Structures are given as C-alpha cells and as structure tokens.
Protein backbone atom coordinates (compact mmCIF):
# COMPACT_ATOMS: atom_id res chain seq x y z
CA MET A 1 22.28 -18.50 -13.98
CA PHE A 2 19.58 -18.07 -11.38
CA LEU A 3 18.21 -15.00 -9.61
CA VAL A 4 17.90 -14.44 -5.87
CA GLY A 5 15.44 -11.79 -4.76
CA LEU A 6 16.51 -9.88 -1.63
CA THR A 7 13.68 -8.02 0.05
CA GLY A 8 12.29 -7.02 3.42
CA GLY A 9 10.53 -4.00 4.83
CA ILE A 10 11.51 -0.42 5.49
CA ALA A 11 14.13 -0.35 8.30
CA SER A 12 14.23 -4.15 8.53
CA GLY A 13 17.96 -4.23 7.78
CA LYS A 14 17.90 -5.19 4.12
CA SER A 15 20.70 -2.78 3.23
CA THR A 16 22.90 -4.28 5.94
CA VAL A 17 22.41 -7.77 4.50
CA SER A 18 22.96 -6.49 0.96
CA ASN A 19 26.26 -4.89 1.98
CA VAL A 20 27.48 -8.09 3.64
CA LEU A 21 26.66 -10.10 0.52
CA ARG A 22 28.44 -7.53 -1.64
CA ASP A 23 31.51 -7.72 0.59
CA LEU A 24 31.48 -11.51 0.10
CA GLY A 25 31.72 -10.94 -3.65
CA CYS A 26 28.09 -11.36 -4.73
CA VAL A 27 26.74 -9.43 -7.69
CA ILE A 28 24.05 -7.11 -6.32
CA ILE A 29 21.62 -5.24 -8.56
CA ASP A 30 20.14 -2.55 -6.31
CA ALA A 31 16.65 -1.35 -7.27
CA ASP A 32 16.86 1.62 -4.87
CA LYS A 33 20.09 2.83 -6.47
CA ILE A 34 18.58 2.50 -9.94
CA ALA A 35 15.41 4.24 -8.74
CA ARG A 36 17.49 7.25 -7.73
CA GLU A 37 19.28 7.28 -11.07
CA VAL A 38 16.13 7.18 -13.23
CA VAL A 39 14.73 10.34 -11.60
CA GLU A 40 17.81 12.48 -12.13
CA PRO A 41 17.22 15.82 -13.91
CA GLY A 42 16.47 15.36 -17.60
CA LYS A 43 15.44 11.71 -17.25
CA PRO A 44 12.02 10.68 -18.66
CA ALA A 45 10.82 9.31 -15.30
CA LEU A 46 11.31 12.67 -13.60
CA LYS A 47 9.41 14.41 -16.39
CA ARG A 48 6.50 12.03 -15.86
CA ILE A 49 6.55 12.65 -12.12
CA VAL A 50 6.41 16.42 -12.63
CA ARG A 51 3.58 15.96 -15.12
CA HIS A 52 1.49 14.15 -12.50
CA PHE A 53 2.56 15.86 -9.26
CA GLY A 54 3.58 19.32 -10.39
CA LYS A 55 6.79 21.31 -10.05
CA SER A 56 6.31 21.60 -6.29
CA VAL A 57 8.02 18.20 -5.93
CA LEU A 58 11.25 19.69 -7.34
CA GLN A 59 13.93 21.48 -5.40
CA ASP A 60 15.40 24.80 -6.55
CA ASP A 61 18.18 23.02 -8.45
CA GLY A 62 15.70 20.88 -10.41
CA THR A 63 16.33 17.66 -8.50
CA LEU A 64 13.52 15.65 -6.99
CA ASP A 65 12.45 16.66 -3.49
CA ARG A 66 12.17 13.16 -2.05
CA ALA A 67 10.84 14.30 1.32
CA LYS A 68 8.06 16.31 -0.31
CA LEU A 69 7.10 13.52 -2.68
CA GLY A 70 7.27 10.97 0.13
CA SER A 71 4.84 12.96 2.26
CA ILE A 72 2.40 12.87 -0.67
CA ILE A 73 2.58 9.22 -1.69
CA PHE A 74 2.71 7.66 1.78
CA ALA A 75 -0.54 9.44 2.64
CA ASP A 76 -2.37 8.35 -0.52
CA SER A 77 -2.16 4.83 -2.00
CA GLU A 78 -3.54 5.97 -5.37
CA LYS A 79 -0.82 8.59 -5.74
CA ARG A 80 1.72 5.94 -4.77
CA LYS A 81 0.47 3.82 -7.68
CA ILE A 82 0.84 6.79 -10.02
CA LEU A 83 4.45 7.23 -8.91
CA ASN A 84 5.12 3.55 -9.51
CA ARG A 85 3.75 3.82 -13.04
CA CYS A 86 6.10 6.75 -13.63
CA THR A 87 9.24 4.97 -12.47
CA HIS A 88 8.86 1.16 -12.51
CA PRO A 89 9.17 0.60 -16.29
CA TYR A 90 12.52 2.41 -16.30
CA ILE A 91 13.76 0.66 -13.16
CA GLN A 92 12.79 -2.79 -14.41
CA ARG A 93 14.28 -2.21 -17.86
CA THR A 94 17.61 -1.21 -16.30
CA MET A 95 17.60 -4.15 -13.90
CA LEU A 96 16.88 -6.65 -16.65
CA TRP A 97 19.70 -5.24 -18.74
CA GLU A 98 22.11 -5.63 -15.81
CA VAL A 99 20.89 -9.21 -15.28
CA LEU A 100 21.58 -9.99 -18.92
CA THR A 101 25.10 -8.55 -18.82
CA SER A 102 25.84 -10.48 -15.60
CA PHE A 103 24.56 -13.66 -17.25
CA LEU A 104 26.79 -13.16 -20.29
CA SER A 105 29.74 -12.43 -17.97
CA GLY A 106 29.46 -15.94 -16.53
CA HIS A 107 28.03 -15.29 -13.06
CA HIS A 108 26.05 -18.30 -11.89
CA TYR A 109 23.67 -16.24 -9.75
CA VAL A 110 22.77 -12.59 -9.22
CA ILE A 111 21.02 -10.99 -6.25
CA LEU A 112 18.27 -8.48 -7.01
CA ASP A 113 17.86 -6.10 -4.09
CA VAL A 114 14.19 -5.13 -4.50
CA PRO A 115 12.30 -3.59 -1.54
CA LEU A 116 8.86 -4.22 -3.09
CA LEU A 117 9.56 -7.64 -4.60
CA LEU A 118 6.63 -9.21 -2.72
CA ASP A 119 4.42 -6.13 -3.06
CA GLY A 120 3.37 -6.92 -6.63
CA SER A 121 6.64 -6.46 -8.53
CA ALA A 122 6.67 -7.87 -12.07
CA LEU A 123 10.18 -9.18 -11.36
CA ARG A 124 8.88 -11.83 -8.95
CA SER A 125 8.21 -14.37 -11.71
CA PHE A 126 11.93 -14.39 -12.65
CA ILE A 127 13.17 -15.12 -9.12
CA LYS A 128 14.27 -18.62 -8.13
CA TYR A 129 14.89 -17.95 -4.42
CA VAL A 130 13.34 -15.24 -2.25
CA LEU A 131 15.39 -13.96 0.68
CA VAL A 132 13.50 -11.90 3.27
CA VAL A 133 15.25 -9.81 5.91
CA TYR A 134 12.94 -9.92 8.90
CA CYS A 135 12.50 -8.14 12.20
CA ASP A 136 9.45 -7.78 14.43
CA GLU A 137 7.20 -4.74 14.04
CA ALA A 138 8.27 -3.07 17.30
CA THR A 139 11.93 -3.24 16.27
CA GLN A 140 11.10 -2.03 12.77
CA LEU A 141 9.14 0.92 14.18
CA ASP A 142 11.90 1.94 16.61
CA ARG A 143 14.59 1.73 13.92
CA LEU A 144 12.58 3.75 11.40
CA MET A 145 11.73 6.50 13.87
CA ALA A 146 15.39 6.81 14.87
CA ARG A 147 16.80 6.54 11.35
CA ASN A 148 14.44 9.00 9.63
CA ASP A 149 13.66 11.20 12.63
CA LEU A 150 9.94 10.45 12.29
CA THR A 151 7.05 10.58 14.69
CA GLN A 152 5.39 7.28 15.53
CA GLU A 153 2.46 8.22 13.29
CA GLY A 154 4.75 9.06 10.36
CA ALA A 155 6.76 5.86 10.77
CA LEU A 156 3.64 3.68 10.97
CA GLN A 157 2.29 5.35 7.84
CA ARG A 158 5.35 4.22 5.93
CA ILE A 159 5.40 0.72 7.43
CA ASN A 160 1.70 0.20 6.72
CA SER A 161 2.15 1.21 3.07
CA GLN A 162 4.06 -2.06 2.53
CA VAL A 163 3.08 -5.72 2.79
CA PRO A 164 3.70 -6.73 6.44
CA LEU A 165 6.96 -8.54 7.14
CA GLU A 166 5.06 -11.41 8.75
CA ILE A 167 3.38 -12.10 5.41
CA LYS A 168 6.60 -11.70 3.42
CA LYS A 169 8.33 -14.10 5.80
CA LYS A 170 5.85 -16.85 4.88
CA GLN A 171 6.66 -16.40 1.18
CA ALA A 172 10.42 -16.63 1.64
CA ASP A 173 12.75 -19.47 0.69
CA PHE A 174 15.33 -18.06 3.11
CA VAL A 175 14.84 -15.72 6.09
CA ILE A 176 17.51 -13.61 7.77
CA ASP A 177 16.33 -12.76 11.30
CA ASN A 178 17.66 -9.28 11.99
CA ASN A 179 16.19 -8.82 15.46
CA GLY A 180 19.51 -9.55 17.15
CA SER A 181 23.08 -8.34 16.90
CA LEU A 182 24.98 -7.45 13.75
CA THR A 183 27.28 -10.41 14.42
CA ALA A 184 24.32 -12.80 14.48
CA THR A 185 22.96 -11.33 11.24
CA LYS A 186 26.33 -11.61 9.50
CA GLN A 187 26.61 -15.26 10.53
CA GLN A 188 23.23 -16.03 8.96
CA VAL A 189 24.25 -14.24 5.78
CA LEU A 190 27.51 -16.21 5.62
CA GLU A 191 25.61 -19.49 5.94
CA LEU A 192 23.26 -18.42 3.15
CA TYR A 193 26.19 -17.39 0.96
CA GLU A 194 27.77 -20.82 1.35
CA ARG A 195 24.50 -22.45 0.29
CA LEU A 196 24.20 -20.25 -2.78
CA GLU A 197 27.80 -20.87 -3.76
CA GLY A 198 27.21 -24.61 -3.51
CA SER A 199 24.04 -24.56 -5.58
CA TYR A 200 24.03 -26.31 -8.95
CA ALA A 201 20.77 -24.74 -10.07
CA HIS A 202 22.66 -22.60 -12.60
CA TRP A 203 23.71 -25.63 -14.64
CA LYS A 204 20.09 -26.43 -15.43
CA LEU A 205 19.46 -22.91 -16.63
CA ARG A 206 22.66 -22.66 -18.62
CA SER A 207 21.44 -25.49 -20.82
CA PHE A 208 18.65 -23.13 -21.89
CA LEU A 209 20.87 -20.17 -22.79
CA PHE A 210 19.12 -19.36 -26.01
CA GLY A 211 15.67 -19.61 -24.46
CA SER A 212 16.70 -17.32 -21.61
CA LEU A 213 17.98 -14.66 -23.99
CA VAL A 214 14.74 -14.77 -25.95
CA LEU A 215 12.74 -14.48 -22.73
CA LEU A 216 14.70 -11.49 -21.46
CA GLY A 217 14.41 -9.84 -24.84
CA GLY A 218 10.66 -10.36 -24.80
CA VAL A 219 10.35 -8.85 -21.33
CA ALA A 220 12.45 -5.86 -22.34
CA TYR A 221 10.16 -5.33 -25.33
CA GLN A 222 7.09 -5.45 -23.06
CA LEU A 223 8.64 -2.91 -20.71
CA TYR A 224 9.31 -0.57 -23.62
CA SER A 225 5.60 -0.76 -24.44
CA PHE A 226 4.86 1.03 -21.15
CA LEU A 227 6.85 4.05 -22.23
C-alpha cells in the first residue's frame, strides 16, 4: 500500500477535490475531521488547550469556541505552535491507526487529507505522492472572504499563516488547478484517479508487509511519547 497526501491552502478547494475522490471510491482519511473529534468535551487534547489558553476558549456547553481560538492563534504564530502541540500527537496517532487498518483491509492506496502536510507535518515522510490543490492568491482571498464572511485583513491573516500555495505547488507530484470551473476540476481529479488506480507501486510495498507494520508500530510508540 502507498499513501497519497492531499493538501492545499485555506479556501483553495481541497475539500471539493477530497469529496470527488471519495465519491469515486477512494479511502480518505481526513485530518480536519479527526482534529474536530480530538477536541470534543472530555478528550485529552481539549484539556490541554484549556490549560494553555484558559476557559475563555470554551462555549457555555463546554465545547471549543473555534472562532475565539482562531482569532487568537491566527494573530500569534507562537500560540499557533502551542495549539499544534496540544492536538497534533492525537491527530497523528488516530490517522496512523486508520492507515494501518486500511492496509490490513487490502486497500492498495489511501489518501491522507492533511491541510498542513507541507507546513512541517511529521506525516510527510510517509507520503509517496503529494497532491496539491492550487488556485491563485486573488481567487483564494475572494473565496475565503465570501466563505467565512471575513474582512480582507482577516482573510489575509489566515492565508499568510500557511506556506504559500506557489511554494506548495513546486513540491507537488500532482497539481489540481482549481482556478476554473467545477467541471474542469472534476475532470482533473478523474484523470488523477485513473493514474492512481493503474499504479503498481503498492506491490513493491506489499513485499515488505512485516517491515511496514514494525515501522508504523514504532511511529505510534513515538507519538505516545508526546503525551
């Protein structure tokens, strides 16, 4: 089995591409979905967040106030790093477990939907192919302002907190240009899907089944050491 890393930038259209791939039958492990799950009330990650940022980041029902926390971390890169240290070990541990179960289920590739894959994620070293969903900065800015009802300043603050898409594009094995229509984007995704389905890279890795299990187990152990 091999891993495909799906990434992009905020409002670049990564979720659209992810949904198309899922509709085609691909196994998608969504880091954003897992990130929401690990900060549910009672979870260790949420307790760590409250320890560092205080109870003001909680809503009355005890759930995380994402808007409040977002306004804090997007204005301060050091606080953003603190948040990452609170959540990333739990997110990565869950993702690696899902990769392992997919591997044992016989899937010959899995797509990891990771927004910050090229922003220093520890998962990068496990990825065989990097897929970047790209759009130009003006399009990205317009989409983010409309989607999140943000001012231009607020939208730029969020965009500038990530590695620029132009840089991510240069690190990609595959690029989906999402500047155009939805139809054009879907056609690019279909062509990529056909290439992945025709890949024989998984046979090489399957011959190292035991080694892969040992490796994943070692990574899981390292992630537990962060806790």
